[in-house]
C-alpha atoms as a PDB file:
ATOM      1  CA  UNK A   1     182.760   6.166 -76.546  1.00  0.00           C
ATOM      2  CA  UNK A   2     180.623   9.090 -75.317  1.00  0.00           C
ATOM      3  CA  UNK A   3     178.001  10.279 -77.806  1.00  0.00           C
ATOM      4  CA  UNK A   4     175.393  13.018 -77.688  1.00  0.00           C
ATOM      5  CA  UNK A   5     171.800  11.881 -78.170  1.00  0.00           C
ATOM      6  CA  UNK A   6     170.493   8.436 -79.212  1.00  0.00           C
ATOM      7  CA  UNK A   7     172.918   5.775 -80.406  1.00  0.00           C
ATOM      8  CA  UNK A   8     173.172   2.077 -81.253  1.00  0.00           C
ATOM      9  CA  UNK A   9     175.653  -0.420 -79.867  1.00  0.00           C
ATOM     10  CA  UNK A  10     176.125  -3.128 -82.533  1.00  0.00           C
ATOM     11  CA  UNK A  11     177.579  -6.374 -81.252  1.00  0.00           C
ATOM     12  CA  UNK A  12     179.120  -9.023 -83.472  1.00  0.00           C
ATOM     13  CA  UNK A  13     180.813 -12.169 -82.188  1.00  0.00           C
ATOM     14  CA  UNK A  14     184.103 -10.459 -81.321  1.00  0.00           C
ATOM     15  CA  UNK A  15     183.575  -6.731 -81.920  1.00  0.00           C
ATOM     16  CA  UNK A  16     181.334  -3.913 -80.724  1.00  0.00           C
ATOM     17  CA  UNK A  17     180.599  -0.686 -82.647  1.00  0.00           C
ATOM     18  CA  UNK A  18     178.825   2.473 -81.508  1.00  0.00           C
ATOM     19  CA  UNK A  19     176.698   4.272 -84.130  1.00  0.00           C
ATOM     20  CA  UNK A  20     175.210   7.708 -83.299  1.00  0.00           C
ATOM     21  CA  UNK A  21     171.688   8.363 -84.595  1.00  0.00           C
ATOM     22  CA  UNK A  22     171.702  11.914 -85.959  1.00  0.00           C
ATOM     23  CA  UNK A  23     170.904  13.844 -89.104  1.00  0.00           C
ATOM     24  CA  UNK A  24     168.121  11.593 -90.418  1.00  0.00           C
ATOM     25  CA  UNK A  25     164.596  10.571 -89.485  1.00  0.00           C
ATOM     26  CA  UNK A  26     165.014   6.950 -90.623  1.00  0.00           C
ATOM     27  CA  UNK A  27     167.868   4.433 -90.837  1.00  0.00           C
ATOM     28  CA  UNK A  28     167.816   1.176 -92.813  1.00  0.00           C
ATOM     29  CA  UNK A  29     169.836  -1.844 -91.648  1.00  0.00           C
ATOM     30  CA  UNK A  30     170.981  -4.810 -93.707  1.00  0.00           C
ATOM     31  CA  UNK A  31     173.801  -6.488 -95.669  1.00  0.00           C
ATOM     32  CA  UNK A  32     173.532  -4.316 -98.778  1.00  0.00           C
ATOM     33  CA  UNK A  33     175.867  -1.362 -99.159  1.00  0.00           C
ATOM     34  CA  UNK A  34     172.886   0.941 -99.850  1.00  0.00           C
ATOM     35  CA  UNK A  35     171.743   0.690 -96.225  1.00  0.00           C
ATOM     36  CA  UNK A  36     172.360   3.508 -93.777  1.00  0.00           C
ATOM     37  CA  UNK A  37     173.822   0.942 -91.364  1.00  0.00           C
ATOM     38  CA  UNK A  38     175.542  -1.972 -93.111  1.00  0.00           C
ATOM     39  CA  UNK A  39     175.646  -5.237 -91.151  1.00  0.00           C
ATOM     40  CA  UNK A  40     178.588  -7.600 -91.550  1.00  0.00           C
ATOM     41  CA  UNK A  41     176.392 -10.639 -91.007  1.00  0.00           C
ATOM     42  CA  UNK A  42     175.667 -13.336 -93.605  1.00  0.00           C
ATOM     43  CA  UNK A  43     172.450 -14.239 -91.752  1.00  0.00           C
ATOM     44  CA  UNK A  44     171.020 -10.744 -92.075  1.00  0.00           C
ATOM     45  CA  UNK A  45     168.874  -9.966 -95.126  1.00  0.00           C
ATOM     46  CA  UNK A  46     170.064  -7.513 -97.776  1.00  0.00           C
ATOM     47  CA  UNK A  47     167.499  -4.962 -96.572  1.00  0.00           C
ATOM     48  CA  UNK A  48     166.527  -6.277 -93.182  1.00  0.00           C
ATOM     49  CA  UNK A  49     164.900  -3.623 -90.977  1.00  0.00           C
ATOM     50  CA  UNK A  50     164.382   0.086 -90.393  1.00  0.00           C
ATOM     51  CA  UNK A  51     164.531   2.450 -87.430  1.00  0.00           C
ATOM     52  CA  UNK A  52     162.267   5.493 -87.710  1.00  0.00           C
ATOM     53  CA  UNK A  53     162.219   8.580 -85.516  1.00  0.00           C
ATOM     54  CA  UNK A  54     158.801  10.209 -85.116  1.00  0.00           C
ATOM     55  CA  UNK A  55     157.976  13.809 -84.227  1.00  0.00           C
ATOM     56  CA  UNK A  56     156.596  12.466 -80.940  1.00  0.00           C
ATOM     57  CA  UNK A  57     160.200  11.644 -79.974  1.00  0.00           C
ATOM     58  CA  UNK A  58     159.677   7.876 -80.237  1.00  0.00           C
ATOM     59  CA  UNK A  59     161.726   5.379 -82.227  1.00  0.00           C
ATOM     60  CA  UNK A  60     159.942   2.663 -84.193  1.00  0.00           C
ATOM     61  CA  UNK A  61     161.433  -0.660 -85.306  1.00  0.00           C
ATOM     62  CA  UNK A  62     160.103  -1.981 -88.630  1.00  0.00           C
ATOM     63  CA  UNK A  63     160.909  -5.345 -90.209  1.00  0.00           C
ATOM     64  CA  UNK A  64     161.273  -5.124 -94.009  1.00  0.00           C
ATOM     65  CA  UNK A  65     160.289  -8.666 -94.911  1.00  0.00           C
ATOM     66  CA  UNK A  66     163.538 -10.247 -93.737  1.00  0.00           C
ATOM     67  CA  UNK A  67     163.923 -13.993 -94.205  1.00  0.00           C
ATOM     68  CA  UNK A  68     165.185 -14.730 -90.686  1.00  0.00           C
ATOM     69  CA  UNK A  69     163.066 -12.134 -88.928  1.00  0.00           C
ATOM     70  CA  UNK A  70     163.647  -9.129 -86.707  1.00  0.00           C
ATOM     71  CA  UNK A  71     163.502  -9.747 -82.959  1.00  0.00           C
ATOM     72  CA  UNK A  72     162.951  -7.285 -80.127  1.00  0.00           C
ATOM     73  CA  UNK A  73     163.925  -8.560 -76.679  1.00  0.00           C
ATOM     74  CA  UNK A  74     163.562 -12.112 -77.979  1.00  0.00           C
ATOM     75  CA  UNK A  75     160.133 -11.659 -79.635  1.00  0.00           C
ATOM     76  CA  UNK A  76     159.668 -11.567 -83.393  1.00  0.00           C
ATOM     77  CA  UNK A  77     158.461  -8.238 -84.819  1.00  0.00           C
ATOM     78  CA  UNK A  78     155.475  -8.415 -87.173  1.00  0.00           C
ATOM     79  CA  UNK A  79     154.291  -4.801 -87.185  1.00  0.00           C
ATOM     80  CA  UNK A  80     156.147  -1.566 -86.310  1.00  0.00           C
ATOM     81  CA  UNK A  81     156.828  -1.390 -82.580  1.00  0.00           C
ATOM     82  CA  UNK A  82     157.913   1.454 -80.285  1.00  0.00           C
ATOM     83  CA  UNK A  83     161.393   1.099 -78.800  1.00  0.00           C
ATOM     84  CA  UNK A  84     162.458   1.792 -75.225  1.00  0.00           C
ATOM     85  CA  UNK A  85     165.849   2.723 -73.817  1.00  0.00           C
ATOM     86  CA  UNK A  86     168.087  -0.361 -73.576  1.00  0.00           C
ATOM     87  CA  UNK A  87     165.969  -2.537 -75.899  1.00  0.00           C
ATOM     88  CA  UNK A  88     167.782  -5.468 -77.513  1.00  0.00           C
ATOM     89  CA  UNK A  89     167.284  -5.906 -81.272  1.00  0.00           C
ATOM     90  CA  UNK A  90     168.458  -9.066 -83.038  1.00  0.00           C
ATOM     91  CA  UNK A  91     169.015  -9.163 -86.821  1.00  0.00           C
ATOM     92  CA  UNK A  92     170.478 -12.458 -88.014  1.00  0.00           C
ATOM     93  CA  UNK A  93     173.269 -13.162 -85.513  1.00  0.00           C
ATOM     94  CA  UNK A  94     173.845  -9.458 -84.807  1.00  0.00           C
ATOM     95  CA  UNK A  95     172.692  -7.977 -81.505  1.00  0.00           C
ATOM     96  CA  UNK A  96     171.925  -4.257 -81.358  1.00  0.00           C
ATOM     97  CA  UNK A  97     171.203  -2.187 -78.253  1.00  0.00           C
ATOM     98  CA  UNK A  98     169.433   1.174 -78.414  1.00  0.00           C
ATOM     99  CA  UNK A  99     170.522   3.782 -75.870  1.00  0.00           C
ATOM    100  CA  UNK A 100     169.605   7.421 -75.345  1.00  0.00           C
ATOM    101  CA  UNK A 101     166.251   7.152 -77.099  1.00  0.00           C
ATOM    102  CA  UNK A 102     164.727   9.255 -74.319  1.00  0.00           C
ATOM    103  CA  UNK A 103     166.834  12.219 -75.511  1.00  0.00           C
ATOM    104  CA  UNK A 104     166.107  14.273 -78.653  1.00  0.00           C
ATOM    105  CA  UNK A 105     168.091  13.925 -81.857  1.00  0.00           C
ATOM    106  CA  UNK A 106     171.039  16.335 -81.720  1.00  0.00           C
ATOM    107  CA  UNK A 107     171.241  19.244 -84.133  1.00  0.00           C
ATOM    108  CA  UNK A 108     173.967  19.112 -86.759  1.00  0.00           C
ATOM    109  CA  UNK A 109     176.997  21.156 -85.741  1.00  0.00           C
ATOM    110  CA  UNK A 110     179.127  21.063 -88.883  1.00  0.00           C
ATOM    111  CA  UNK A 111     176.847  23.001 -91.233  1.00  0.00           C
ATOM    112  CA  UNK A 112     179.698  23.456 -93.727  1.00  0.00           C
ATOM    113  CA  UNK A 113     179.815  19.720 -94.363  1.00  0.00           C
ATOM    114  CA  UNK A 114     176.088  19.243 -94.886  1.00  0.00           C
ATOM    115  CA  UNK A 115     173.026  21.472 -95.040  1.00  0.00           C
ATOM    116  CA  UNK A 116     171.155  21.179 -91.769  1.00  0.00           C
ATOM    117  CA  UNK A 117     167.359  21.417 -91.953  1.00  0.00           C
ATOM    118  CA  UNK A 118     166.483  20.072 -88.530  1.00  0.00           C
ATOM    119  CA  UNK A 119     162.852  20.866 -87.687  1.00  0.00           C
ATOM    120  CA  UNK A 120     162.412  23.895 -89.966  1.00  0.00           C
ATOM    121  CA  UNK A 121     158.679  24.583 -89.585  1.00  0.00           C
ATOM    122  CA  UNK A 122     156.536  26.333 -92.164  1.00  0.00           C
ATOM    123  CA  UNK A 123     152.921  26.410 -93.332  1.00  0.00           C
ATOM    124  CA  UNK A 124     152.419  24.620 -96.652  1.00  0.00           C
ATOM    125  CA  UNK A 125     149.713  23.087 -98.810  1.00  0.00           C
ATOM    126  CA  UNK A 126     149.995  19.301 -98.514  1.00  0.00           C
ATOM    127  CA  UNK A 127     148.213  16.101 -99.460  1.00  0.00           C
ATOM    128  CA  UNK A 128     148.150  13.277 -96.931  1.00  0.00           C
ATOM    129  CA  UNK A 129     147.609   9.654 -97.962  1.00  0.00           C
ATOM    130  CA  UNK A 130     146.738   7.062 -95.313  1.00  0.00           C
ATOM    131  CA  UNK A 131     146.750   3.367 -96.255  1.00  0.00           C
ATOM    132  CA  UNK A 132     145.428   0.690 -93.907  1.00  0.00           C
ATOM    133  CA  UNK A 133     145.500  -3.100 -94.208  1.00  0.00           C
ATOM    134  CA  UNK A 134     141.949  -4.417 -93.978  1.00  0.00           C
ATOM    135  CA  UNK A 135     141.153  -7.065 -91.366  1.00  0.00           C
ATOM    136  CA  UNK A 136     144.693  -7.115 -90.052  1.00  0.00           C
ATOM    137  CA  UNK A 137     143.462  -8.715 -86.826  1.00  0.00           C
ATOM    138  CA  UNK A 138     142.108 -11.641 -88.869  1.00  0.00           C
ATOM    139  CA  UNK A 139     145.534 -12.111 -90.464  1.00  0.00           C
ATOM    140  CA  UNK A 140     147.263 -12.167 -87.082  1.00  0.00           C
ATOM    141  CA  UNK A 141     144.864 -14.862 -85.861  1.00  0.00           C
ATOM    142  CA  UNK A 142     145.091 -17.113 -88.904  1.00  0.00           C
ATOM    143  CA  UNK A 143     148.741 -16.795 -90.009  1.00  0.00           C
ATOM    144  CA  UNK A 144     151.648 -18.340 -88.166  1.00  0.00           C
ATOM    145  CA  UNK A 145     154.044 -15.735 -86.809  1.00  0.00           C
ATOM    146  CA  UNK A 146     156.906 -16.277 -89.251  1.00  0.00           C
ATOM    147  CA  UNK A 147     154.617 -16.026 -92.292  1.00  0.00           C
ATOM    148  CA  UNK A 148     152.850 -12.949 -90.876  1.00  0.00           C
ATOM    149  CA  UNK A 149     156.196 -11.218 -90.363  1.00  0.00           C
ATOM    150  CA  UNK A 150     157.253 -11.980 -93.947  1.00  0.00           C
ATOM    151  CA  UNK A 151     153.968 -10.758 -95.455  1.00  0.00           C
ATOM    152  CA  UNK A 152     153.709  -7.537 -93.468  1.00  0.00           C
ATOM    153  CA  UNK A 153     157.440  -6.786 -93.646  1.00  0.00           C
ATOM    154  CA  UNK A 154     157.380  -7.211 -97.432  1.00  0.00           C
ATOM    155  CA  UNK A 155     154.320  -4.975 -97.661  1.00  0.00           C
ATOM    156  CA  UNK A 156     155.952  -2.195 -95.623  1.00  0.00           C
ATOM    157  CA  UNK A 157     159.209  -2.375 -97.603  1.00  0.00           C
ATOM    158  CA  UNK A 158     157.530  -2.266-101.016  1.00  0.00           C
ATOM    159  CA  UNK A 159     155.066   0.421 -99.900  1.00  0.00           C
ATOM    160  CA  UNK A 160     157.937   2.665 -98.829  1.00  0.00           C
ATOM    161  CA  UNK A 161     159.634   2.216-102.218  1.00  0.00           C
ATOM    162  CA  UNK A 162     156.455   3.116-104.113  1.00  0.00           C
ATOM    163  CA  UNK A 163     155.740   6.192-102.012  1.00  0.00           C
ATOM    164  CA  UNK A 164     159.256   7.561-102.466  1.00  0.00           C
ATOM    165  CA  UNK A 165     159.215   6.840-106.209  1.00  0.00           C
ATOM    166  CA  UNK A 166     156.199   9.116-106.538  1.00  0.00           C
ATOM    167  CA  UNK A 167     157.708  12.058-104.713  1.00  0.00           C
ATOM    168  CA  UNK A 168     156.441  11.868-101.153  1.00  0.00           C
ATOM    169  CA  UNK A 169     158.596  13.602 -98.590  1.00  0.00           C
ATOM    170  CA  UNK A 170     157.642  11.225 -95.792  1.00  0.00           C
ATOM    171  CA  UNK A 171     156.403   7.713 -95.220  1.00  0.00           C
ATOM    172  CA  UNK A 172     155.497   6.727 -91.673  1.00  0.00           C
ATOM    173  CA  UNK A 173     154.641   3.289 -90.421  1.00  0.00           C
ATOM    174  CA  UNK A 174     151.930   3.292 -87.773  1.00  0.00           C
ATOM    175  CA  UNK A 175     150.729  -0.110 -86.629  1.00  0.00           C
ATOM    176  CA  UNK A 176     149.178  -1.729 -89.714  1.00  0.00           C
ATOM    177  CA  UNK A 177     148.973   1.576 -91.606  1.00  0.00           C
ATOM    178  CA  UNK A 178     151.220   3.919 -93.577  1.00  0.00           C
ATOM    179  CA  UNK A 179     150.990   7.694 -93.872  1.00  0.00           C
ATOM    180  CA  UNK A 180     152.593   9.566 -96.768  1.00  0.00           C
ATOM    181  CA  UNK A 181     152.774  13.334 -97.281  1.00  0.00           C
ATOM    182  CA  UNK A 182     153.266  15.370-100.453  1.00  0.00           C
ATOM    183  CA  UNK A 183     154.301  19.012 -99.946  1.00  0.00           C
ATOM    184  CA  UNK A 184     152.962  20.920-102.958  1.00  0.00           C
ATOM    185  CA  UNK A 185     154.008  23.701-105.237  1.00  0.00           C
ATOM    186  CA  UNK A 186     151.117  25.891-106.401  1.00  0.00           C
ATOM    187  CA  UNK A 187     150.491  27.611-109.728  1.00  0.00           C
ATOM    188  CA  UNK A 188     151.767  31.183-109.504  1.00  0.00           C
ATOM    189  CA  UNK A 189     149.126  33.628-108.356  1.00  0.00           C
ATOM    190  CA  UNK A 190     146.632  30.902-107.369  1.00  0.00           C
ATOM    191  CA  UNK A 191     145.975  28.259-104.742  1.00  0.00           C
ATOM    192  CA  UNK A 192     145.909  25.548-107.414  1.00  0.00           C
ATOM    193  CA  UNK A 193     148.304  22.638-107.044  1.00  0.00           C
ATOM    194  CA  UNK A 194     150.543  21.908-110.023  1.00  0.00           C
ATOM    195  CA  UNK A 195     148.377  19.207-111.737  1.00  0.00           C
ATOM    196  CA  UNK A 196     151.071  16.583-112.089  1.00  0.00           C
ATOM    197  CA  UNK A 197     151.600  16.528-108.319  1.00  0.00           C
ATOM    198  CA  UNK A 198     148.019  15.431-107.665  1.00  0.00           C
ATOM    199  CA  UNK A 199     148.428  12.647-110.208  1.00  0.00           C
ATOM    200  CA  UNK A 200     151.602  11.514-108.398  1.00  0.00           C
ATOM    201  CA  UNK A 201     149.489  10.906-105.301  1.00  0.00           C
ATOM    202  CA  UNK A 202     146.847   8.980-107.263  1.00  0.00           C
ATOM    203  CA  UNK A 203     149.439   6.903-109.130  1.00  0.00           C
ATOM    204  CA  UNK A 204     151.172   6.056-105.850  1.00  0.00           C
ATOM    205  CA  UNK A 205     147.823   4.970-104.411  1.00  0.00           C
ATOM    206  CA  UNK A 206     147.034   2.730-107.358  1.00  0.00           C
ATOM    207  CA  UNK A 207     150.534   1.204-107.340  1.00  0.00           C
ATOM    208  CA  UNK A 208     150.130   0.486-103.615  1.00  0.00           C
ATOM    209  CA  UNK A 209     146.881  -1.313-104.365  1.00  0.00           C
ATOM    210  CA  UNK A 210     148.465  -3.332-107.197  1.00  0.00           C
ATOM    211  CA  UNK A 211     151.460  -4.262-105.031  1.00  0.00           C
ATOM    212  CA  UNK A 212     149.192  -5.339-102.165  1.00  0.00           C
ATOM    213  CA  UNK A 213     147.080  -7.437-104.501  1.00  0.00           C
ATOM    214  CA  UNK A 214     150.187  -9.139-105.937  1.00  0.00           C
ATOM    215  CA  UNK A 215     151.076 -10.461-102.477  1.00  0.00           C
ATOM    216  CA  UNK A 216     147.990 -12.681-102.651  1.00  0.00           C
ATOM    217  CA  UNK A 217     149.779 -14.730-105.325  1.00  0.00           C
ATOM    218  CA  UNK A 218     153.133 -14.687-103.534  1.00  0.00           C
ATOM    219  CA  UNK A 219     152.003 -15.873-100.093  1.00  0.00           C
ATOM    220  CA  UNK A 220     149.471 -18.528 -98.951  1.00  0.00           C
ATOM    221  CA  UNK A 221     147.024 -16.159 -97.252  1.00  0.00           C
ATOM    222  CA  UNK A 222     143.756 -17.213 -95.569  1.00  0.00           C
ATOM    223  CA  UNK A 223     141.884 -14.454 -97.462  1.00  0.00           C
ATOM    224  CA  UNK A 224     142.751 -11.769 -99.998  1.00  0.00           C
ATOM    225  CA  UNK A 225     144.920  -8.940 -98.730  1.00  0.00           C
ATOM    226  CA  UNK A 226     143.113  -5.628 -99.241  1.00  0.00           C
ATOM    227  CA  UNK A 227     143.833  -2.015 -98.347  1.00  0.00           C
ATOM    228  CA  UNK A 228     141.675   1.043 -97.695  1.00  0.00           C
ATOM    229  CA  UNK A 229     142.778   4.629 -98.327  1.00  0.00           C
ATOM    230  CA  UNK A 230     141.999   8.152 -97.153  1.00  0.00           C
ATOM    231  CA  UNK A 231     143.360  11.154 -99.067  1.00  0.00           C
ATOM    232  CA  UNK A 232     143.120  14.719 -97.811  1.00  0.00           C
ATOM    233  CA  UNK A 233     144.520  18.053 -99.003  1.00  0.00           C
ATOM    234  CA  UNK A 234     144.895  21.269 -97.032  1.00  0.00           C
ATOM    235  CA  UNK A 235     147.179  23.659 -95.217  1.00  0.00           C
ATOM    236  CA  UNK A 236     149.369  22.231 -92.451  1.00  0.00           C
ATOM    237  CA  UNK A 237     152.482  22.972 -90.460  1.00  0.00           C
ATOM    238  CA  UNK A 238     155.312  20.911 -91.910  1.00  0.00           C
ATOM    239  CA  UNK A 239     158.799  20.466 -90.554  1.00  0.00           C
ATOM    240  CA  UNK A 240     161.926  19.276 -92.307  1.00  0.00           C
ATOM    241  CA  UNK A 241     164.079  16.842 -90.366  1.00  0.00           C
ATOM    242  CA  UNK A 242     167.466  15.731 -91.550  1.00  0.00           C
ATOM    243  CA  UNK A 243     170.195  16.992 -93.829  1.00  0.00           C
ATOM    244  CA  UNK A 244     171.422  17.061 -97.370  1.00  0.00           C
ATOM    245  CA  UNK A 245     169.412  16.338-100.483  1.00  0.00           C
ATOM    246  CA  UNK A 246     166.822  14.022 -98.879  1.00  0.00           C
ATOM    247  CA  UNK A 247     165.295  15.739 -95.864  1.00  0.00           C
ATOM    248  CA  UNK A 248     162.404  14.012 -94.143  1.00  0.00           C
ATOM    249  CA  UNK A 249     159.109  15.846 -93.619  1.00  0.00           C
ATOM    250  CA  UNK A 250     156.698  15.646 -90.757  1.00  0.00           C
ATOM    251  CA  UNK A 251     153.245  17.244 -90.834  1.00  0.00           C
ATOM    252  CA  UNK A 252     150.901  18.261 -88.057  1.00  0.00           C
ATOM    253  CA  UNK A 253     147.322  19.492 -87.861  1.00  0.00           C
ATOM    254  CA  UNK A 254     143.744  18.928 -88.917  1.00  0.00           C
ATOM    255  CA  UNK A 255     144.630  17.995 -92.521  1.00  0.00           C
ATOM    256  CA  UNK A 256     146.546  14.969 -91.219  1.00  0.00           C
ATOM    257  CA  UNK A 257     143.880  13.953 -88.691  1.00  0.00           C
ATOM    258  CA  UNK A 258     141.109  14.131 -91.291  1.00  0.00           C
ATOM    259  CA  UNK A 259     143.039  11.831 -93.653  1.00  0.00           C
ATOM    260  CA  UNK A 260     143.005   9.100 -91.008  1.00  0.00           C
ATOM    261  CA  UNK A 261     139.291   9.651 -90.388  1.00  0.00           C
ATOM    262  CA  UNK A 262     138.558   9.501 -94.122  1.00  0.00           C
ATOM    263  CA  UNK A 263     140.287   6.140 -94.350  1.00  0.00           C
ATOM    264  CA  UNK A 264     138.080   4.879 -91.513  1.00  0.00           C
ATOM    265  CA  UNK A 265     135.019   6.182 -93.369  1.00  0.00           C
ATOM    266  CA  UNK A 266     135.656   3.803 -96.286  1.00  0.00           C
ATOM    267  CA  UNK A 267     134.402   0.865 -94.207  1.00  0.00           C
ATOM    268  CA  UNK A 268     130.823   2.015 -93.481  1.00  0.00           C
ATOM    269  CA  UNK A 269     130.583   3.424 -97.021  1.00  0.00           C
ATOM    270  CA  UNK A 270     131.666   0.084 -98.511  1.00  0.00           C
ATOM    271  CA  UNK A 271     134.318   1.638-100.753  1.00  0.00           C
ATOM    272  CA  UNK A 272     138.102   1.470-101.188  1.00  0.00           C
ATOM    273  CA  UNK A 273     139.004   5.174-101.192  1.00  0.00           C
ATOM    274  CA  UNK A 274     137.676   8.365 -99.605  1.00  0.00           C
ATOM    275  CA  UNK A 275     138.917  11.694-100.946  1.00  0.00           C
ATOM    276  CA  UNK A 276     138.621  14.956 -99.044  1.00  0.00           C
ATOM    277  CA  UNK A 277     136.649  17.635-100.848  1.00  0.00           C
ATOM    278  CA  UNK A 278     139.746  19.765-101.538  1.00  0.00           C
ATOM    279  CA  UNK A 279     141.619  16.775-102.971  1.00  0.00           C
ATOM    280  CA  UNK A 280     138.744  16.108-105.375  1.00  0.00           C
ATOM    281  CA  UNK A 281     138.508  19.777-106.384  1.00  0.00           C
ATOM    282  CA  UNK A 282     142.274  19.940-107.016  1.00  0.00           C
ATOM    283  CA  UNK A 283     142.258  16.806-109.201  1.00  0.00           C
ATOM    284  CA  UNK A 284     142.541  17.603-112.932  1.00  0.00           C
ATOM    285  CA  UNK A 285     139.471  16.489-114.931  1.00  0.00           C
ATOM    286  CA  UNK A 286     137.937  14.835-111.836  1.00  0.00           C
ATOM    287  CA  UNK A 287     134.443  16.124-112.574  1.00  0.00           C
ATOM    288  CA  UNK A 288     134.617  14.505-116.033  1.00  0.00           C
ATOM    289  CA  UNK A 289     136.464  11.220-115.533  1.00  0.00           C
ATOM    290  CA  UNK A 290     136.560  10.348-111.831  1.00  0.00           C
ATOM    291  CA  UNK A 291     133.237   8.607-111.068  1.00  0.00           C
ATOM    292  CA  UNK A 292     133.507   8.825-107.290  1.00  0.00           C
ATOM    293  CA  UNK A 293     130.227   9.373-105.447  1.00  0.00           C
ATOM    294  CA  UNK A 294     129.780  12.349-103.147  1.00  0.00           C
ATOM    295  CA  UNK A 295     128.768  11.525 -99.553  1.00  0.00           C
ATOM    296  CA  UNK A 296     128.278  13.617 -96.446  1.00  0.00           C
ATOM    297  CA  UNK A 297     129.772  11.875 -93.427  1.00  0.00           C
ATOM    298  CA  UNK A 298     130.443  12.728 -89.804  1.00  0.00           C
ATOM    299  CA  UNK A 299     134.065  11.891 -89.106  1.00  0.00           C
ATOM    300  CA  UNK A 300     135.033  10.687 -85.649  1.00  0.00           C
ATOM    301  CA  UNK A 301     136.038  13.631 -83.481  1.00  0.00           C
ATOM    302  CA  UNK A 302     134.391  16.225 -85.750  1.00  0.00           C
ATOM    303  CA  UNK A 303     131.163  18.064 -84.910  1.00  0.00           C
ATOM    304  CA  UNK A 304     130.464  19.332 -88.451  1.00  0.00           C
ATOM    305  CA  UNK A 305     129.601  16.872 -91.270  1.00  0.00           C
ATOM    306  CA  UNK A 306     132.228  16.519 -93.990  1.00  0.00           C
ATOM    307  CA  UNK A 307     131.823  15.997 -97.735  1.00  0.00           C
ATOM    308  CA  UNK A 308     133.859  13.157 -99.206  1.00  0.00           C
ATOM    309  CA  UNK A 309     134.124  11.507-102.614  1.00  0.00           C
ATOM    310  CA  UNK A 310     134.221   7.710-102.398  1.00  0.00           C
ATOM    311  CA  UNK A 311     135.095   5.095-104.991  1.00  0.00           C
ATOM    312  CA  UNK A 312     137.029   1.969-105.932  1.00  0.00           C
ATOM    313  CA  UNK A 313     140.482   1.156-107.269  1.00  0.00           C
ATOM    314  CA  UNK A 314     138.870   0.241-110.585  1.00  0.00           C
ATOM    315  CA  UNK A 315     137.409   3.759-110.742  1.00  0.00           C
ATOM    316  CA  UNK A 316     140.862   5.176-110.002  1.00  0.00           C
ATOM    317  CA  UNK A 317     142.540   3.020-112.678  1.00  0.00           C
ATOM    318  CA  UNK A 318     140.049   4.184-115.320  1.00  0.00           C
ATOM    319  CA  UNK A 319     140.599   7.805-114.306  1.00  0.00           C
ATOM    320  CA  UNK A 320     144.387   7.500-114.559  1.00  0.00           C
ATOM    321  CA  UNK A 321     144.129   5.933-118.024  1.00  0.00           C
ATOM    322  CA  UNK A 322     141.875   8.725-119.266  1.00  0.00           C
ATOM    323  CA  UNK A 323     143.771  11.634-117.779  1.00  0.00           C
ATOM    324  CA  UNK A 324     147.142  10.377-119.028  1.00  0.00           C
ATOM    325  CA  UNK A 325     145.772  10.429-122.573  1.00  0.00           C
ATOM    326  CA  UNK A 326     144.938  14.148-122.273  1.00  0.00           C
ATOM    327  CA  UNK A 327     147.157  17.222-121.886  1.00  0.00           C
ATOM    328  CA  UNK A 328     147.180  18.435-118.297  1.00  0.00           C
ATOM    329  CA  UNK A 329     146.264  22.043-117.442  1.00  0.00           C
ATOM    330  CA  UNK A 330     149.262  24.356-117.408  1.00  0.00           C
ATOM    331  CA  UNK A 331     149.787  27.902-116.146  1.00  0.00           C
ATOM    332  CA  UNK A 332     149.914  30.894-118.482  1.00  0.00           C
ATOM    333  CA  UNK A 333     152.544  33.665-117.991  1.00  0.00           C
ATOM    334  CA  UNK A 334     149.977  35.604-115.944  1.00  0.00           C
ATOM    335  CA  UNK A 335     149.590  32.665-113.627  1.00  0.00           C
ATOM    336  CA  UNK A 336     146.032  31.863-114.760  1.00  0.00           C
ATOM    337  CA  UNK A 337     145.432  28.157-115.441  1.00  0.00           C
ATOM    338  CA  UNK A 338     144.710  27.181-119.036  1.00  0.00           C
ATOM    339  CA  UNK A 339     143.674  23.884-120.556  1.00  0.00           C
END
């Protein structure tokens, strides 16, 4: 079979199938029918692994906490890894070869069948959330490989579910970190974000913390699993990739870079979360109920000092409880915010 662009060759004991990779930015693999690629293999987990296509043109392989593990060229995958042309992936007893990954994803030709939104770029107001596992190197040194794969795979799978539940258009897995992006609507006639959208970001962040903390009771870890977070809001170029009702977003620019730097800033500040100044200013009731401390920091790669608001997950939980008990600001017919 000749196919345009990247494709998978899936080998079972006595059959071989070719699956083109087109129209999406991510593909899940496993036994369950809800996967993008369903495996007829009793040794594969229900939701076993994921392939993700990045705007850089690279494919990543991500284990989703599978019981029997995900293997790349005979080595077990613990964190997301970049794939090369001809790589051999093993899920259960199924062998999968990736070909054509050095060619771009093809555009969708049959636009009558599905709406094509491949790489439609536009400038939008976004919020970027970056989550990083603290002391991941320590985990890799103290956990045996099978347990490490289960812990990190479970964390990635559950993190993706939480992010999507709270309305993010993208979740990307980068090493031991995740990036999520919310593309915002603004109140008519203003640059104010619709208040509930900011709270979606904060609720996702707190749920990610709670999920991460729960893994300490589920797995025998050498120390408590903790995460740090950077949150930044600003204008960025975003592109839609994919088709249909669930397009994937990618975002580029300084707003994204600063979110990663803010996450790194949590360590010297001794806090859990660093918010960009615009994120704090766009947060409803933040000045009243969000007891984050203002700091001026110099982010790596930036010449000008940056203001950030730093705090803990306990601070965030208290804020969410208070703000949920109050009516959120709405927009009047003239477009002016009212409380």
